[in-house]
């Protein structure tokens, strides 16, 4: 539905020869801050497909951090990367290889994730912001433990998807960094329990999945 809605907006704007924002009483700003998403993640998973070398050592991740800032990005977001030969991206929220789908935080994971985060930040400019997206790959207790391990690294936010507002609020109350969430929610009514519970600092809205008009309604609700 979101894809159809976005296409209809695009077709309508083209038929009137106006930007899409003209259909939505916009624009509301002249510039938009961007961050480098899946930073390092894609190179661990698909280095050959993107014409890059797979990072294997912490120095490689530091070089990627430097590339972020050198490219003009002021922020980047990475995922759960486990060092090894080769390094892997932990994605337990999805069934199938690699790894299990029990969503439990292994004993060695926090130290490995912390090392990668520290290396990326070391390469970035001093004012660069780094976010960690753990998706739905850990259970509540694992998220809390990981947040504790990362308390001093200076994350701009920790992105977490949990299917229960009270569980996410439990995480937010114990984490020292801002908690971002909402990627798996698509309507104002699905966001409202999380907002009412005070479960997130940053309400993320994915326009591809929610649709532009629905995303605007969600953003308006989050600003109340």
C-alpha atoms as a PDB file:
ATOM      1  CA  UNK A   1       0.000   0.000   0.000  1.00  0.00           C
ATOM      2  CA  UNK A   2       2.841   2.390   0.828  1.00  0.00           C
ATOM      3  CA  UNK A   3       4.486   1.745  -2.516  1.00  0.00           C
ATOM      4  CA  UNK A   4       1.225   2.374  -4.387  1.00  0.00           C
ATOM      5  CA  UNK A   5       0.568   5.546  -2.396  1.00  0.00           C
ATOM      6  CA  UNK A   6       4.062   6.887  -3.070  1.00  0.00           C
ATOM      7  CA  UNK A   7       3.704   6.105  -6.775  1.00  0.00           C
ATOM      8  CA  UNK A   8       0.344   7.893  -6.957  1.00  0.00           C
ATOM      9  CA  UNK A   9       1.853  10.961  -5.321  1.00  0.00           C
ATOM     10  CA  UNK A  10       4.697  10.911  -7.823  1.00  0.00           C
ATOM     11  CA  UNK A  11       2.348  10.484 -10.808  1.00  0.00           C
ATOM     12  CA  UNK A  12       0.083  13.296  -9.593  1.00  0.00           C
ATOM     13  CA  UNK A  13       3.011  15.664  -9.059  1.00  0.00           C
ATOM     14  CA  UNK A  14       4.353  14.875 -12.525  1.00  0.00           C
ATOM     15  CA  UNK A  15       0.945  15.466 -14.104  1.00  0.00           C
ATOM     16  CA  UNK A  16       0.844  18.979 -12.591  1.00  0.00           C
ATOM     17  CA  UNK A  17       4.571  19.518 -13.199  1.00  0.00           C
ATOM     18  CA  UNK A  18       5.215  20.334  -9.530  1.00  0.00           C
ATOM     19  CA  UNK A  19       7.391  18.751  -6.832  1.00  0.00           C
ATOM     20  CA  UNK A  20       5.675  16.231  -4.551  1.00  0.00           C
ATOM     21  CA  UNK A  21       6.097  18.594  -1.612  1.00  0.00           C
ATOM     22  CA  UNK A  22       3.733  21.035  -3.349  1.00  0.00           C
ATOM     23  CA  UNK A  23       0.949  18.474  -2.812  1.00  0.00           C
ATOM     24  CA  UNK A  24       1.675  18.397   0.925  1.00  0.00           C
ATOM     25  CA  UNK A  25       1.851  22.122   1.735  1.00  0.00           C
ATOM     26  CA  UNK A  26       5.653  22.026   1.763  1.00  0.00           C
ATOM     27  CA  UNK A  27       8.540  22.298   1.783  1.00  0.00           C
ATOM     28  CA  UNK A  28       9.144  22.648   5.511  1.00  0.00           C
ATOM     29  CA  UNK A  29      12.929  23.073   5.248  1.00  0.00           C
ATOM     30  CA  UNK A  30      15.611  23.863   2.667  1.00  0.00           C
ATOM     31  CA  UNK A  31      18.181  21.226   3.675  1.00  0.00           C
ATOM     32  CA  UNK A  32      18.064  17.705   5.133  1.00  0.00           C
ATOM     33  CA  UNK A  33      20.798  16.117   7.235  1.00  0.00           C
ATOM     34  CA  UNK A  34      21.914  12.726   5.947  1.00  0.00           C
ATOM     35  CA  UNK A  35      23.783   9.865   7.552  1.00  0.00           C
ATOM     36  CA  UNK A  36      25.648   6.970   5.961  1.00  0.00           C
ATOM     37  CA  UNK A  37      23.409   3.970   6.656  1.00  0.00           C
ATOM     38  CA  UNK A  38      24.722   0.392   6.883  1.00  0.00           C
ATOM     39  CA  UNK A  39      28.179   1.893   7.315  1.00  0.00           C
ATOM     40  CA  UNK A  40      30.715  -0.993   7.307  1.00  0.00           C
ATOM     41  CA  UNK A  41      27.784  -3.450   7.317  1.00  0.00           C
ATOM     42  CA  UNK A  42      27.484  -3.623   3.540  1.00  0.00           C
ATOM     43  CA  UNK A  43      31.228  -4.043   3.138  1.00  0.00           C
ATOM     44  CA  UNK A  44      31.217  -6.957   5.554  1.00  0.00           C
ATOM     45  CA  UNK A  45      28.297  -8.601   3.765  1.00  0.00           C
ATOM     46  CA  UNK A  46      28.721  -7.599   0.120  1.00  0.00           C
ATOM     47  CA  UNK A  47      32.188  -6.129  -0.412  1.00  0.00           C
ATOM     48  CA  UNK A  48      32.616  -7.545  -3.905  1.00  0.00           C
ATOM     49  CA  UNK A  49      29.192  -6.365  -5.072  1.00  0.00           C
ATOM     50  CA  UNK A  50      29.976  -2.765  -4.130  1.00  0.00           C
ATOM     51  CA  UNK A  51      33.523  -2.899  -5.480  1.00  0.00           C
ATOM     52  CA  UNK A  52      35.214  -2.625  -2.084  1.00  0.00           C
ATOM     53  CA  UNK A  53      37.529  -4.697   0.087  1.00  0.00           C
ATOM     54  CA  UNK A  54      35.996  -6.533   3.020  1.00  0.00           C
ATOM     55  CA  UNK A  55      37.226  -5.102   6.338  1.00  0.00           C
ATOM     56  CA  UNK A  56      38.993  -7.703   8.461  1.00  0.00           C
ATOM     57  CA  UNK A  57      40.936  -5.761  11.098  1.00  0.00           C
ATOM     58  CA  UNK A  58      40.031  -2.886  13.373  1.00  0.00           C
ATOM     59  CA  UNK A  59      42.305  -0.629  11.312  1.00  0.00           C
ATOM     60  CA  UNK A  60      40.038  -1.294   8.328  1.00  0.00           C
ATOM     61  CA  UNK A  61      36.997  -0.111  10.270  1.00  0.00           C
ATOM     62  CA  UNK A  62      38.884   2.990  11.353  1.00  0.00           C
ATOM     63  CA  UNK A  63      39.631   3.703   7.688  1.00  0.00           C
ATOM     64  CA  UNK A  64      35.915   3.392   6.893  1.00  0.00           C
ATOM     65  CA  UNK A  65      35.173   5.899   9.641  1.00  0.00           C
ATOM     66  CA  UNK A  66      37.650   8.304   8.069  1.00  0.00           C
ATOM     67  CA  UNK A  67      36.015   7.774   4.687  1.00  0.00           C
ATOM     68  CA  UNK A  68      32.653   8.750   6.195  1.00  0.00           C
ATOM     69  CA  UNK A  69      33.931  12.138   7.314  1.00  0.00           C
ATOM     70  CA  UNK A  70      36.064  12.666   4.203  1.00  0.00           C
ATOM     71  CA  UNK A  71      32.938  12.085   2.090  1.00  0.00           C
ATOM     72  CA  UNK A  72      31.152  14.936   3.857  1.00  0.00           C
ATOM     73  CA  UNK A  73      28.851  12.886   6.068  1.00  0.00           C
ATOM     74  CA  UNK A  74      28.524  14.132   9.625  1.00  0.00           C
ATOM     75  CA  UNK A  75      26.958  10.904  10.857  1.00  0.00           C
ATOM     76  CA  UNK A  76      26.838   7.187  10.116  1.00  0.00           C
ATOM     77  CA  UNK A  77      24.874   4.165  11.270  1.00  0.00           C
ATOM     78  CA  UNK A  78      26.212   0.640  11.549  1.00  0.00           C
ATOM     79  CA  UNK A  79      24.874  -2.723  12.664  1.00  0.00           C
ATOM     80  CA  UNK A  80      25.983  -5.552  14.939  1.00  0.00           C
ATOM     81  CA  UNK A  81      29.351  -6.629  13.522  1.00  0.00           C
ATOM     82  CA  UNK A  82      31.209  -9.576  15.024  1.00  0.00           C
ATOM     83  CA  UNK A  83      34.963  -9.685  14.458  1.00  0.00           C
ATOM     84  CA  UNK A  84      36.379 -12.902  13.072  1.00  0.00           C
ATOM     85  CA  UNK A  85      37.855 -14.497   9.991  1.00  0.00           C
ATOM     86  CA  UNK A  86      35.851 -13.312   8.188  1.00  0.00           C
ATOM     87  CA  UNK A  87      33.817 -10.782  10.231  1.00  0.00           C
ATOM     88  CA  UNK A  88      30.053 -11.299  10.214  1.00  0.00           C
ATOM     89  CA  UNK A  89      26.939  -9.212  10.711  1.00  0.00           C
ATOM     90  CA  UNK A  90      24.715 -10.576  13.464  1.00  0.00           C
ATOM     91  CA  UNK A  91      21.128 -10.819  12.239  1.00  0.00           C
ATOM     92  CA  UNK A  92      19.314 -13.165  14.601  1.00  0.00           C
ATOM     93  CA  UNK A  93      15.960 -11.526  14.057  1.00  0.00           C
ATOM     94  CA  UNK A  94      15.782 -13.193  10.651  1.00  0.00           C
ATOM     95  CA  UNK A  95      15.529 -16.945  10.282  1.00  0.00           C
ATOM     96  CA  UNK A  96      18.116 -18.778   8.271  1.00  0.00           C
ATOM     97  CA  UNK A  97      21.892 -18.592   7.947  1.00  0.00           C
ATOM     98  CA  UNK A  98      24.163 -17.262   9.229  1.00  0.00           C
ATOM     99  CA  UNK A  99      23.831 -18.003  12.932  1.00  0.00           C
ATOM    100  CA  UNK A 100      20.885 -18.885  15.119  1.00  0.00           C
ATOM    101  CA  UNK A 101      17.604 -17.067  15.597  1.00  0.00           C
ATOM    102  CA  UNK A 102      17.392 -17.338  19.401  1.00  0.00           C
ATOM    103  CA  UNK A 103      18.102 -13.561  19.720  1.00  0.00           C
ATOM    104  CA  UNK A 104      20.358 -14.133  22.723  1.00  0.00           C
ATOM    105  CA  UNK A 105      23.390 -11.929  23.344  1.00  0.00           C
ATOM    106  CA  UNK A 106      26.442 -14.163  23.236  1.00  0.00           C
ATOM    107  CA  UNK A 107      29.293 -13.777  25.711  1.00  0.00           C
ATOM    108  CA  UNK A 108      31.778 -12.464  23.141  1.00  0.00           C
ATOM    109  CA  UNK A 109      29.426 -10.180  21.219  1.00  0.00           C
ATOM    110  CA  UNK A 110      29.531  -7.004  23.390  1.00  0.00           C
ATOM    111  CA  UNK A 111      33.341  -6.709  23.332  1.00  0.00           C
ATOM    112  CA  UNK A 112      33.448  -7.285  19.570  1.00  0.00           C
ATOM    113  CA  UNK A 113      30.700  -4.763  18.824  1.00  0.00           C
ATOM    114  CA  UNK A 114      32.338  -2.225  21.116  1.00  0.00           C
ATOM    115  CA  UNK A 115      35.691  -2.650  19.353  1.00  0.00           C
ATOM    116  CA  UNK A 116      34.142  -2.004  15.945  1.00  0.00           C
ATOM    117  CA  UNK A 117      32.214   1.040  17.210  1.00  0.00           C
ATOM    118  CA  UNK A 118      35.351   2.490  18.791  1.00  0.00           C
ATOM    119  CA  UNK A 119      37.336   1.937  15.578  1.00  0.00           C
ATOM    120  CA  UNK A 120      34.725   3.624  13.404  1.00  0.00           C
ATOM    121  CA  UNK A 121      34.510   6.584  15.777  1.00  0.00           C
ATOM    122  CA  UNK A 122      38.307   6.877  15.912  1.00  0.00           C
ATOM    123  CA  UNK A 123      38.361   7.368  12.148  1.00  0.00           C
ATOM    124  CA  UNK A 124      35.520   9.864  12.021  1.00  0.00           C
ATOM    125  CA  UNK A 125      35.860  13.585  12.629  1.00  0.00           C
ATOM    126  CA  UNK A 126      35.672  14.556  16.332  1.00  0.00           C
ATOM    127  CA  UNK A 127      32.168  15.971  15.873  1.00  0.00           C
ATOM    128  CA  UNK A 128      30.955  12.971  13.862  1.00  0.00           C
ATOM    129  CA  UNK A 129      27.919  11.082  15.174  1.00  0.00           C
ATOM    130  CA  UNK A 130      27.651   7.295  15.121  1.00  0.00           C
ATOM    131  CA  UNK A 131      24.490   5.250  15.612  1.00  0.00           C
ATOM    132  CA  UNK A 132      24.116   1.505  16.184  1.00  0.00           C
ATOM    133  CA  UNK A 133      21.113  -0.302  14.721  1.00  0.00           C
ATOM    134  CA  UNK A 134      20.464  -3.683  16.336  1.00  0.00           C
ATOM    135  CA  UNK A 135      17.063  -4.111  14.631  1.00  0.00           C
ATOM    136  CA  UNK A 136      15.056  -6.893  16.298  1.00  0.00           C
ATOM    137  CA  UNK A 137      18.059  -9.155  16.772  1.00  0.00           C
ATOM    138  CA  UNK A 138      18.211  -9.206  20.589  1.00  0.00           C
ATOM    139  CA  UNK A 139      15.746  -9.823  23.392  1.00  0.00           C
ATOM    140  CA  UNK A 140      15.105  -7.179  26.021  1.00  0.00           C
ATOM    141  CA  UNK A 141      17.709  -8.403  28.521  1.00  0.00           C
ATOM    142  CA  UNK A 142      20.350  -8.557  25.800  1.00  0.00           C
ATOM    143  CA  UNK A 143      19.585  -5.013  24.670  1.00  0.00           C
ATOM    144  CA  UNK A 144      19.991  -3.745  28.240  1.00  0.00           C
ATOM    145  CA  UNK A 145      23.301  -5.559  28.683  1.00  0.00           C
ATOM    146  CA  UNK A 146      24.618  -4.297  25.358  1.00  0.00           C
ATOM    147  CA  UNK A 147      23.535  -0.736  26.156  1.00  0.00           C
ATOM    148  CA  UNK A 148      25.433  -1.015  29.445  1.00  0.00           C
ATOM    149  CA  UNK A 149      28.580  -2.183  27.633  1.00  0.00           C
ATOM    150  CA  UNK A 150      28.312   0.715  25.172  1.00  0.00           C
ATOM    151  CA  UNK A 151      27.492   3.338  27.795  1.00  0.00           C
ATOM    152  CA  UNK A 152      30.763   5.265  27.451  1.00  0.00           C
ATOM    153  CA  UNK A 153      31.302   5.089  23.687  1.00  0.00           C
ATOM    154  CA  UNK A 154      29.147   8.154  22.932  1.00  0.00           C
ATOM    155  CA  UNK A 155      26.524   6.714  20.585  1.00  0.00           C
ATOM    156  CA  UNK A 156      24.231   9.291  18.999  1.00  0.00           C
ATOM    157  CA  UNK A 157      21.457   6.738  19.415  1.00  0.00           C
ATOM    158  CA  UNK A 158      20.855   3.014  19.859  1.00  0.00           C
ATOM    159  CA  UNK A 159      18.222   1.788  17.420  1.00  0.00           C
ATOM    160  CA  UNK A 160      16.071  -1.027  18.767  1.00  0.00           C
ATOM    161  CA  UNK A 161      12.955  -2.772  17.514  1.00  0.00           C
ATOM    162  CA  UNK A 162      10.984  -4.539  20.254  1.00  0.00           C
ATOM    163  CA  UNK A 163       7.407  -5.668  19.818  1.00  0.00           C
ATOM    164  CA  UNK A 164       6.234  -4.412  23.194  1.00  0.00           C
ATOM    165  CA  UNK A 165       6.105  -0.759  24.359  1.00  0.00           C
ATOM    166  CA  UNK A 166       6.759  -1.628  28.012  1.00  0.00           C
ATOM    167  CA  UNK A 167       9.834  -3.655  27.092  1.00  0.00           C
ATOM    168  CA  UNK A 168      11.238  -0.807  25.053  1.00  0.00           C
ATOM    169  CA  UNK A 169      10.507   1.644  27.872  1.00  0.00           C
ATOM    170  CA  UNK A 170      12.376  -0.749  30.199  1.00  0.00           C
ATOM    171  CA  UNK A 171      15.393  -0.463  27.890  1.00  0.00           C
ATOM    172  CA  UNK A 172      15.132   3.324  27.615  1.00  0.00           C
ATOM    173  CA  UNK A 173      14.997   3.738  31.395  1.00  0.00           C
ATOM    174  CA  UNK A 174      18.270   1.816  31.738  1.00  0.00           C
ATOM    175  CA  UNK A 175      20.223   3.051  28.729  1.00  0.00           C
ATOM    176  CA  UNK A 176      22.491   6.085  28.881  1.00  0.00           C
ATOM    177  CA  UNK A 177      22.142   6.875  25.178  1.00  0.00           C
ATOM    178  CA  UNK A 178      18.978   7.946  23.296  1.00  0.00           C
ATOM    179  CA  UNK A 179      16.786   5.086  22.088  1.00  0.00           C
ATOM    180  CA  UNK A 180      15.459   5.195  18.523  1.00  0.00           C
ATOM    181  CA  UNK A 181      12.735   2.883  17.273  1.00  0.00           C
ATOM    182  CA  UNK A 182       9.752   2.552  14.969  1.00  0.00           C
ATOM    183  CA  UNK A 183      11.136   1.056  11.765  1.00  0.00           C
ATOM    184  CA  UNK A 184       8.712  -1.867  12.041  1.00  0.00           C
ATOM    185  CA  UNK A 185       5.659   0.324  12.678  1.00  0.00           C
ATOM    186  CA  UNK A 186       3.549   1.727   9.871  1.00  0.00           C
ATOM    187  CA  UNK A 187       0.540   3.678  11.196  1.00  0.00           C
ATOM    188  CA  UNK A 188      -0.117   6.364  13.832  1.00  0.00           C
ATOM    189  CA  UNK A 189      -2.123   3.846  15.859  1.00  0.00           C
ATOM    190  CA  UNK A 190       0.857   1.470  15.990  1.00  0.00           C
ATOM    191  CA  UNK A 191       3.199   4.245  17.176  1.00  0.00           C
ATOM    192  CA  UNK A 192       0.819   5.661  19.794  1.00  0.00           C
ATOM    193  CA  UNK A 193       1.353   2.966  22.483  1.00  0.00           C
ATOM    194  CA  UNK A 194       5.120   3.509  22.272  1.00  0.00           C
ATOM    195  CA  UNK A 195       4.789   7.281  22.421  1.00  0.00           C
ATOM    196  CA  UNK A 196       2.307   7.089  25.297  1.00  0.00           C
ATOM    197  CA  UNK A 197       4.697   4.807  27.188  1.00  0.00           C
ATOM    198  CA  UNK A 198       7.638   7.171  26.664  1.00  0.00           C
ATOM    199  CA  UNK A 199       9.491   4.269  25.093  1.00  0.00           C
ATOM    200  CA  UNK A 200      11.603   6.124  22.519  1.00  0.00           C
ATOM    201  CA  UNK A 201      13.639   9.298  22.238  1.00  0.00           C
ATOM    202  CA  UNK A 202      13.645   9.249  18.425  1.00  0.00           C
ATOM    203  CA  UNK A 203      10.622   8.040  16.452  1.00  0.00           C
ATOM    204  CA  UNK A 204      11.918   6.624  13.180  1.00  0.00           C
ATOM    205  CA  UNK A 205       9.565   6.533  10.212  1.00  0.00           C
ATOM    206  CA  UNK A 206      10.358   4.556   7.071  1.00  0.00           C
ATOM    207  CA  UNK A 207       8.611   6.331   4.199  1.00  0.00           C
ATOM    208  CA  UNK A 208       9.077   3.349   1.887  1.00  0.00           C
ATOM    209  CA  UNK A 209       7.056   1.118   4.195  1.00  0.00           C
ATOM    210  CA  UNK A 210       4.581   3.581   5.704  1.00  0.00           C
ATOM    211  CA  UNK A 211       4.002   5.767   2.648  1.00  0.00           C
ATOM    212  CA  UNK A 212       4.733   9.487   2.524  1.00  0.00           C
ATOM    213  CA  UNK A 213       1.307  10.703   3.607  1.00  0.00           C
ATOM    214  CA  UNK A 214       1.076   8.200   6.461  1.00  0.00           C
ATOM    215  CA  UNK A 215       4.651   9.052   7.472  1.00  0.00           C
ATOM    216  CA  UNK A 216       3.656  12.711   7.748  1.00  0.00           C
ATOM    217  CA  UNK A 217       0.763  11.791  10.055  1.00  0.00           C
ATOM    218  CA  UNK A 218       3.110   9.701  12.212  1.00  0.00           C
ATOM    219  CA  UNK A 219       5.636  12.532  12.409  1.00  0.00           C
ATOM    220  CA  UNK A 220       2.902  14.969  13.443  1.00  0.00           C
ATOM    221  CA  UNK A 221       1.824  12.572  16.210  1.00  0.00           C
ATOM    222  CA  UNK A 222       5.408  12.200  17.462  1.00  0.00           C
ATOM    223  CA  UNK A 223       5.746  15.974  17.756  1.00  0.00           C
ATOM    224  CA  UNK A 224       2.714  16.354  20.019  1.00  0.00           C
END
